[in-house]
Amino acid sequence: MWRTVHHYELADATFSRPIGGSSGSGGGFRHAVLRAIVVTPLVILFLGEMMGAILGLVGGGGGTGGGAGGGGRVTKRRLKGILNLHKFVELTMLLYNVVRLALWPSRYVAREVYIGRTISNFFFLMQAQLYTKLSWEDVSESSSVVGIGGDGYVSESYYDDYVPDNNNNNNNNNNNNNNNNNNNNNNRMAGNARMYEEEDSSGVWQHPNDEMTADDRPLSYGFATFNEYNHYGGQSSSLANVAPGTSHERFPVISKRTVLVLEAAVFFKAVLLKNSKIHRLKFDIQGFELTVLRNIQSILRDTDLVMHIKAECFCPNKKGLQFYQVDNACEKMETVLHDAGYEVHWDCEGRGWSDVISYKKGMATDFLPDEAFD
């Protein structure tokens, strides 16, 4: 702001009256017009910088609340626009001073004055360039999105306090132990998954009891065991074991692979930070659609990130069992999406699976056809 006032006073003193004191009507009018042309951008720049200073002091919507956090990002883009205008003014003055030094010297102003002005123009130009190139959201928003508290640990649950119904730690699919083999381990979750609570200096998420095995599947960051099943009859692969007592129990595991996994909420919040929108979102991840939707439920509910969603779901058989040892029930998926503000329809039609089709109320007015998600 002080720099802009300096430029304004310089322009006002230069163009307020014709050189030599002539006050003829033609010359006076031309200088008045020229003065208005020169000082108007400076007045606008001063007012913009003053509003930017006020917004910086009072908070100015810089947070991530309110939908997708768009208000804070819009404010920051406007402030960067003000800085870009300031860069334009400094660059114009720098070029003017160079011209006066090299091509059009003044009879009244010493060259040292133009040299000093050129140096100061360059200094403030680089300062404005630094601020416009900084990513103002990376530090503050990424910390708040991931939920890192003052002690450095994750302070919010992405799972809305959700613990899947089908807890099972039996890798051998022993039917007699399916309901009893929980080992009193509260960190065990669906499909032999474990919740990894904190990060060491290497960036690897550790299990609280350091009991990590090859078949553990962490639900935050880490590695998971990917089961490749026999493909005949439509069966594919999953992070979960097939459930005994269902039509899928006949599919053997033909290979296991260790894969890197990332919590869904982390990915979708990264998309949210980019101020992006998703028109069609399709989930076909063999039993973990409900887990993912619960994981991002608050994002879907509180923002307009996703308009249309299609997700595979399962309907329990007569024994109340689903294909995999993880809860992916269509009814529960419908409840999650309804709570997030979506209209939902699905129909198992005597099968053990279906597709939940949904759209966000207020963003769309009707369901998309199945082929729209292909």
Protein backbone atom coordinates (compact mmCIF):
# COMPACT_ATOMS: atom_id res chain seq x y z
CA MET A 1 0.00 0.00 0.00
CA TRP A 2 2.82 2.42 0.86
CA ARG A 3 4.46 1.64 -2.48
CA THR A 4 1.24 2.35 -4.35
CA VAL A 5 0.86 5.70 -2.55
CA HIS A 6 4.43 6.52 -3.63
CA HIS A 7 3.55 5.78 -7.26
CA TYR A 8 0.35 7.82 -7.00
CA GLU A 9 2.14 10.88 -5.63
CA LEU A 10 4.78 10.61 -8.34
CA ALA A 11 2.17 10.35 -11.10
CA ASP A 12 0.03 13.13 -9.62
CA ALA A 13 3.00 15.49 -9.37
CA THR A 14 4.10 14.67 -12.91
CA PHE A 15 0.76 14.98 -14.70
CA SER A 16 -1.18 17.46 -12.54
CA ARG A 17 -0.17 20.42 -14.74
CA PRO A 18 1.61 20.95 -18.05
CA ILE A 19 5.40 21.21 -17.93
CA GLY A 20 6.48 24.83 -17.89
CA GLY A 21 3.30 25.98 -16.14
CA SER A 22 1.24 26.53 -19.33
CA SER A 23 -2.44 26.53 -18.54
CA GLY A 24 -3.90 26.70 -22.04
CA SER A 25 -7.24 25.00 -22.45
CA GLY A 26 -5.95 22.41 -24.93
CA GLY A 27 -2.82 21.51 -23.01
CA GLY A 28 -4.59 21.54 -19.66
CA PHE A 29 -7.32 19.20 -20.86
CA ARG A 30 -4.83 16.78 -22.40
CA HIS A 31 -2.83 16.64 -19.20
CA ALA A 32 -5.99 16.12 -17.16
CA VAL A 33 -6.96 13.17 -19.34
CA LEU A 34 -3.42 11.79 -19.22
CA ARG A 35 -3.35 12.18 -15.43
CA ALA A 36 -6.66 10.32 -15.10
CA ILE A 37 -5.36 7.49 -17.28
CA VAL A 38 -2.19 7.17 -15.21
CA VAL A 39 -3.57 7.52 -11.68
CA THR A 40 -6.80 5.50 -12.07
CA PRO A 41 -5.05 2.07 -12.05
CA LEU A 42 -3.05 3.22 -9.02
CA VAL A 43 -6.21 4.21 -7.14
CA ILE A 44 -7.79 0.84 -8.00
CA LEU A 45 -4.62 -0.93 -6.91
CA PHE A 46 -4.55 0.96 -3.60
CA LEU A 47 -8.19 0.11 -2.84
CA GLY A 48 -7.58 -3.55 -3.73
CA GLU A 49 -4.53 -3.77 -1.51
CA MET A 50 -6.41 -2.11 1.33
CA MET A 51 -9.24 -4.67 1.03
CA GLY A 52 -6.65 -7.45 0.84
CA ALA A 53 -5.05 -6.22 4.05
CA ILE A 54 -8.45 -6.13 5.78
CA LEU A 55 -9.31 -9.65 4.59
CA GLY A 56 -5.92 -10.85 5.78
CA LEU A 57 -6.53 -9.43 9.24
CA VAL A 58 -10.11 -10.69 9.68
CA GLY A 59 -9.68 -14.08 8.03
CA GLY A 60 -11.48 -13.25 4.78
CA GLY A 61 -12.87 -16.71 4.02
CA GLY A 62 -9.41 -18.23 3.86
CA GLY A 63 -10.49 -21.49 5.49
CA THR A 64 -11.90 -24.60 3.91
CA GLY A 65 -15.39 -24.39 5.35
CA GLY A 66 -18.54 -23.78 3.41
CA GLY A 67 -18.94 -26.39 0.74
CA ALA A 68 -15.77 -27.10 -1.10
CA GLY A 69 -13.88 -24.29 0.51
CA GLY A 70 -14.37 -22.32 -2.71
CA GLY A 71 -14.85 -18.98 -0.92
CA GLY A 72 -11.33 -19.03 0.50
CA ARG A 73 -9.78 -20.00 -2.82
CA VAL A 74 -11.73 -17.31 -4.70
CA THR A 75 -10.50 -14.69 -2.23
CA LYS A 76 -6.92 -15.87 -2.65
CA ARG A 77 -7.19 -15.76 -6.43
CA ARG A 78 -8.45 -12.19 -6.21
CA LEU A 79 -5.59 -11.20 -3.93
CA LYS A 80 -3.14 -12.75 -6.37
CA GLY A 81 -4.82 -10.73 -9.12
CA ILE A 82 -4.14 -7.56 -7.11
CA LEU A 83 -0.50 -8.56 -6.79
CA ASN A 84 -0.35 -9.18 -10.54
CA LEU A 85 -1.61 -5.63 -11.11
CA HIS A 86 1.09 -4.39 -8.76
CA LYS A 87 3.68 -6.33 -10.77
CA PHE A 88 2.40 -4.68 -13.95
CA VAL A 89 2.80 -1.22 -12.40
CA GLU A 90 6.33 -1.98 -11.20
CA LEU A 91 7.30 -3.46 -14.57
CA THR A 92 5.93 -0.40 -16.40
CA MET A 93 7.87 1.95 -14.14
CA LEU A 94 11.03 -0.15 -14.52
CA LEU A 95 10.82 0.00 -18.33
CA TYR A 96 10.15 3.75 -18.19
CA ASN A 97 13.22 4.32 -16.03
CA VAL A 98 15.38 2.21 -18.34
CA VAL A 99 14.18 4.21 -21.34
CA ARG A 100 14.95 7.49 -19.57
CA LEU A 101 18.41 6.20 -18.74
CA ALA A 102 19.31 4.76 -22.14
CA LEU A 103 17.27 6.59 -24.78
CA TRP A 104 15.56 9.68 -23.40
CA PRO A 105 17.58 11.37 -20.66
CA SER A 106 16.02 14.19 -18.69
CA ARG A 107 17.53 17.67 -18.49
CA TYR A 108 16.09 18.14 -15.00
CA VAL A 109 16.48 14.75 -13.25
CA ALA A 110 19.87 13.22 -12.49
CA ARG A 111 20.60 9.75 -13.87
CA GLU A 112 21.20 8.46 -10.36
CA VAL A 113 17.52 9.04 -9.59
CA TYR A 114 16.45 6.73 -12.43
CA ILE A 115 19.04 4.15 -11.37
CA GLY A 116 17.66 4.15 -7.81
CA ARG A 117 14.08 3.88 -9.09
CA THR A 118 15.02 0.99 -11.37
CA ILE A 119 16.57 -0.92 -8.46
CA SER A 120 13.53 -0.31 -6.24
CA ASN A 121 11.17 -1.34 -9.09
CA PHE A 122 13.08 -4.59 -9.50
CA PHE A 123 13.00 -5.27 -5.75
CA PHE A 124 9.23 -4.80 -5.40
CA LEU A 125 8.59 -6.70 -8.66
CA MET A 126 10.44 -9.74 -7.32
CA GLN A 127 8.63 -9.46 -3.98
CA ALA A 128 5.22 -9.48 -5.67
CA GLN A 129 6.33 -12.34 -7.91
CA LEU A 130 7.30 -14.38 -4.86
CA TYR A 131 3.88 -13.99 -3.24
CA THR A 132 1.95 -14.82 -6.42
CA LYS A 133 4.00 -17.98 -7.00
CA LEU A 134 3.53 -19.31 -3.47
CA SER A 135 0.87 -22.01 -3.04
CA TRP A 136 -1.09 -20.40 -0.22
CA GLU A 137 -3.23 -23.46 0.45
CA ASP A 138 -0.71 -26.29 0.65
CA VAL A 139 0.40 -25.89 4.27
CA SER A 140 -2.78 -24.81 6.02
CA GLU A 141 -5.36 -26.75 4.04
CA SER A 142 -3.49 -30.03 3.69
CA SER A 143 -2.96 -30.08 7.46
CA SER A 144 -6.62 -29.42 8.20
CA VAL A 145 -7.86 -31.86 5.57
CA VAL A 146 -5.80 -34.78 6.78
CA GLY A 147 -6.73 -33.84 10.32
CA ILE A 148 -3.33 -33.48 11.92
CA GLY A 149 -3.65 -32.15 15.44
CA GLY A 150 -1.22 -30.06 17.44
CA ASP A 151 0.51 -33.19 18.70
CA GLY A 152 1.24 -34.38 15.17
CA TYR A 153 -1.23 -37.28 15.14
CA VAL A 154 -4.36 -37.84 13.11
CA SER A 155 -7.15 -36.16 15.05
CA GLU A 156 -10.27 -37.11 13.07
CA SER A 157 -11.70 -40.41 11.93
CA TYR A 158 -12.43 -40.75 8.23
CA TYR A 159 -14.70 -43.68 8.98
CA ASP A 160 -17.47 -41.90 10.90
CA ASP A 161 -16.85 -44.32 13.79
CA TYR A 162 -17.60 -47.21 11.46
CA VAL A 163 -16.55 -50.77 12.29
CA PRO A 164 -17.66 -53.37 9.69
CA ASP A 165 -19.96 -56.12 10.85
CA ASN A 166 -17.98 -59.04 9.43
CA ASN A 167 -14.86 -59.15 11.61
CA ASN A 168 -12.84 -62.23 10.76
CA ASN A 169 -9.17 -63.08 11.18
CA ASN A 170 -9.17 -66.60 9.74
CA ASN A 171 -7.06 -66.65 6.57
CA ASN A 172 -7.85 -70.34 5.99
CA ASN A 173 -11.62 -69.75 5.78
CA ASN A 174 -12.24 -72.24 8.56
CA ASN A 175 -16.02 -72.31 8.89
CA ASN A 176 -15.97 -73.37 12.52
CA ASN A 177 -13.97 -70.35 13.59
CA ASN A 178 -15.61 -67.67 11.46
CA ASN A 179 -17.61 -66.10 14.25
CA ASN A 180 -15.20 -66.56 17.14
CA ASN A 181 -11.68 -65.92 15.89
CA ASN A 182 -11.32 -62.20 16.65
CA ASN A 183 -8.29 -62.55 18.96
CA ASN A 184 -9.59 -59.69 21.13
CA ASN A 185 -7.86 -57.25 18.76
CA ASN A 186 -9.95 -54.10 18.36
CA ASN A 187 -7.65 -52.88 15.61
CA ARG A 188 -8.69 -55.76 13.39
CA MET A 189 -11.34 -54.71 10.88
CA ALA A 190 -13.01 -56.06 7.75
CA GLY A 191 -11.11 -58.55 5.65
CA ASN A 192 -8.19 -58.94 8.08
CA ALA A 193 -7.52 -55.21 7.79
CA ARG A 194 -5.72 -53.33 10.54
CA MET A 195 -5.90 -49.66 11.43
CA TYR A 196 -2.40 -48.16 11.50
CA GLU A 197 -2.36 -45.32 13.96
CA GLU A 198 0.84 -43.32 13.63
CA GLU A 199 3.78 -42.68 11.38
CA ASP A 200 7.46 -43.13 12.15
CA SER A 201 10.36 -41.09 10.73
CA SER A 202 10.49 -43.23 7.59
CA GLY A 203 6.90 -42.36 6.69
CA VAL A 204 5.62 -45.93 7.17
CA TRP A 205 2.43 -46.40 9.17
CA GLN A 206 2.96 -48.76 12.06
CA HIS A 207 0.54 -51.11 13.75
CA PRO A 208 0.14 -50.22 17.47
CA ASN A 209 1.27 -53.70 18.52
CA ASP A 210 3.86 -54.11 15.74
CA GLU A 211 2.18 -57.38 14.72
CA MET A 212 2.23 -56.73 10.99
CA THR A 213 2.02 -59.85 8.84
CA ALA A 214 1.90 -60.47 5.11
CA ASP A 215 -1.89 -60.68 5.09
CA ASP A 216 -2.59 -57.48 7.04
CA ARG A 217 -4.47 -54.80 5.15
CA PRO A 218 -4.15 -51.32 6.66
CA LEU A 219 -7.06 -48.94 6.22
CA SER A 220 -5.04 -45.71 6.15
CA TYR A 221 -1.67 -45.79 4.42
CA GLY A 222 0.44 -48.83 3.78
CA PHE A 223 0.33 -52.14 1.95
CA ALA A 224 -2.42 -54.71 1.39
CA THR A 225 -2.64 -58.28 0.15
CA PHE A 226 -4.43 -58.49 -3.18
CA ASN A 227 -6.10 -61.87 -3.78
CA GLU A 228 -6.35 -63.00 -7.40
CA TYR A 229 -9.17 -65.52 -7.77
CA ASN A 230 -10.12 -67.94 -10.51
CA HIS A 231 -11.79 -65.83 -13.17
CA TYR A 232 -14.33 -68.29 -14.49
CA GLY A 233 -17.97 -67.53 -13.79
CA GLY A 234 -17.35 -63.80 -13.53
CA GLN A 235 -15.22 -63.97 -10.40
CA SER A 236 -12.36 -61.49 -10.28
CA SER A 237 -10.01 -60.29 -7.55
CA SER A 238 -10.34 -58.51 -4.22
CA LEU A 239 -8.54 -57.34 -1.11
CA ALA A 240 -11.00 -59.45 0.90
CA ASN A 241 -11.35 -63.20 1.33
CA VAL A 242 -14.39 -64.92 -0.16
CA ALA A 243 -17.08 -65.88 2.35
CA PRO A 244 -17.72 -69.57 3.07
CA GLY A 245 -21.36 -70.51 2.58
CA THR A 246 -21.75 -68.36 -0.54
CA SER A 247 -21.49 -69.09 -4.25
CA HIS A 248 -18.04 -67.50 -4.26
CA GLU A 249 -16.43 -69.99 -1.87
CA ARG A 250 -15.65 -72.29 -4.80
CA PHE A 251 -13.23 -69.78 -6.29
CA PRO A 252 -9.69 -70.54 -5.12
CA VAL A 253 -6.98 -67.95 -4.65
CA ILE A 254 -4.47 -68.49 -7.45
CA SER A 255 -2.04 -65.76 -6.38
CA LYS A 256 -1.43 -63.10 -3.75
CA ARG A 257 0.18 -59.75 -4.42
CA THR A 258 1.28 -56.98 -2.09
CA VAL A 259 -0.05 -53.63 -3.25
CA LEU A 260 0.15 -50.06 -1.99
CA VAL A 261 -3.14 -48.69 -0.62
CA LEU A 262 -4.28 -45.15 0.12
CA GLU A 263 -7.28 -44.16 2.19
CA ALA A 264 -10.11 -42.93 -0.05
CA ALA A 265 -10.75 -39.76 1.96
CA VAL A 266 -7.16 -38.64 1.43
CA PHE A 267 -7.52 -38.94 -2.34
CA PHE A 268 -10.92 -37.25 -2.57
CA LYS A 269 -9.90 -34.41 -0.28
CA ALA A 270 -6.90 -33.85 -2.54
CA VAL A 271 -9.31 -33.60 -5.48
CA LEU A 272 -11.40 -31.19 -3.41
CA LEU A 273 -8.38 -28.98 -2.77
CA LYS A 274 -7.92 -28.63 -6.53
CA ASN A 275 -11.44 -27.15 -6.71
CA SER A 276 -12.43 -29.91 -9.15
CA LYS A 277 -15.82 -31.54 -9.75
CA ILE A 278 -16.62 -35.18 -10.55
CA HIS A 279 -19.60 -35.70 -12.85
CA ARG A 280 -19.70 -39.51 -12.84
CA LEU A 281 -18.05 -41.73 -10.23
CA LYS A 282 -18.08 -45.52 -10.58
CA PHE A 283 -16.99 -48.00 -7.91
CA ASP A 284 -16.35 -51.66 -8.78
CA ILE A 285 -13.85 -52.79 -6.16
CA GLN A 286 -15.18 -56.20 -5.17
CA GLY A 287 -16.64 -55.71 -1.72
CA PHE A 288 -15.18 -52.42 -0.51
CA GLU A 289 -17.62 -49.97 -2.09
CA LEU A 290 -19.55 -49.49 1.15
CA THR A 291 -16.31 -49.06 3.10
CA VAL A 292 -15.15 -46.35 0.70
CA LEU A 293 -18.51 -44.57 0.66
CA ARG A 294 -18.59 -44.51 4.46
CA ASN A 295 -15.03 -43.23 4.38
CA ILE A 296 -15.96 -40.25 2.16
CA GLN A 297 -19.53 -39.81 3.43
CA SER A 298 -18.86 -36.44 5.06
CA ILE A 299 -17.20 -35.16 1.86
CA LEU A 300 -20.19 -36.22 -0.24
CA ARG A 301 -22.63 -34.72 2.28
CA ASP A 302 -20.92 -31.39 2.88
CA THR A 303 -19.73 -30.59 -0.65
CA ASP A 304 -20.89 -30.79 -4.26
CA LEU A 305 -17.83 -32.74 -5.33
CA VAL A 306 -19.64 -35.69 -6.98
CA MET A 307 -22.87 -35.47 -9.00
CA HIS A 308 -23.56 -39.10 -10.02
CA ILE A 309 -22.39 -42.32 -8.33
CA LYS A 310 -22.63 -45.95 -9.40
CA ALA A 311 -21.39 -48.59 -6.97
CA GLU A 312 -21.61 -52.37 -6.86
CA CYS A 313 -23.29 -53.74 -3.74
CA PHE A 314 -24.22 -57.15 -2.35
CA CYS A 315 -27.48 -58.66 -1.14
CA PRO A 316 -27.17 -61.31 1.59
CA ASN A 317 -28.22 -64.85 0.69
CA LYS A 318 -30.66 -66.95 2.70
CA LYS A 319 -27.95 -67.50 5.32
CA GLY A 320 -27.43 -63.76 5.63
CA LEU A 321 -23.99 -63.99 4.00
CA GLN A 322 -22.40 -61.81 1.32
CA PHE A 323 -19.83 -62.85 -1.29
CA TYR A 324 -16.81 -61.54 0.62
CA GLN A 325 -15.86 -61.30 4.26
CA VAL A 326 -16.58 -57.59 4.29
CA ASP A 327 -19.89 -55.77 4.64
CA ASN A 328 -21.04 -54.34 1.31
CA ALA A 329 -24.83 -54.48 1.74
CA CYS A 330 -27.01 -52.57 -0.73
CA GLU A 331 -29.41 -51.40 1.99
CA LYS A 332 -26.62 -49.91 4.07
CA MET A 333 -25.11 -48.29 0.99
CA GLU A 334 -28.48 -46.70 0.24
CA THR A 335 -28.62 -45.32 3.80
CA VAL A 336 -25.13 -43.84 3.51
CA LEU A 337 -25.92 -42.13 0.20
CA HIS A 338 -29.32 -40.88 1.40
CA ASP A 339 -27.62 -39.30 4.39
CA ALA A 340 -25.16 -37.64 2.00
CA GLY A 341 -28.04 -36.07 0.05
CA TYR A 342 -28.40 -38.51 -2.85
CA GLU A 343 -31.43 -40.07 -4.51
CA VAL A 344 -30.79 -43.81 -4.81
CA HIS A 345 -32.20 -46.85 -6.57
CA TRP A 346 -31.07 -50.48 -6.82
CA ASP A 347 -32.62 -53.92 -7.37
CA CYS A 348 -30.99 -57.27 -6.68
CA GLU A 349 -33.66 -59.17 -8.65
CA GLY A 350 -32.90 -62.48 -6.97
CA ARG A 351 -29.15 -62.14 -7.46
CA GLY A 352 -26.55 -61.72 -4.78
CA TRP A 353 -25.41 -58.38 -6.12
CA SER A 354 -26.70 -55.18 -7.68
CA ASP A 355 -25.57 -51.70 -8.71
CA VAL A 356 -26.58 -48.69 -6.65
CA ILE A 357 -27.30 -45.75 -8.97
CA SER A 358 -27.56 -42.31 -7.37
CA TYR A 359 -27.44 -38.58 -8.02
CA LYS A 360 -26.88 -35.60 -5.72
CA LYS A 361 -30.06 -33.65 -5.08
CA GLY A 362 -29.64 -30.03 -6.05
CA MET A 363 -26.95 -30.90 -8.60
CA ALA A 364 -28.93 -33.25 -10.86
CA THR A 365 -32.59 -34.11 -11.39
CA ASP A 366 -32.54 -37.70 -12.67
CA PHE A 367 -30.54 -40.91 -12.69
CA LEU A 368 -28.02 -41.58 -15.43
CA PRO A 369 -28.42 -44.79 -17.47
CA ASP A 370 -26.04 -47.65 -16.78
CA GLU A 371 -24.16 -47.17 -20.03
CA ALA A 372 -23.24 -43.62 -19.03
CA PHE A 373 -20.78 -45.09 -16.51
CA ASP A 374 -19.05 -47.40 -19.02
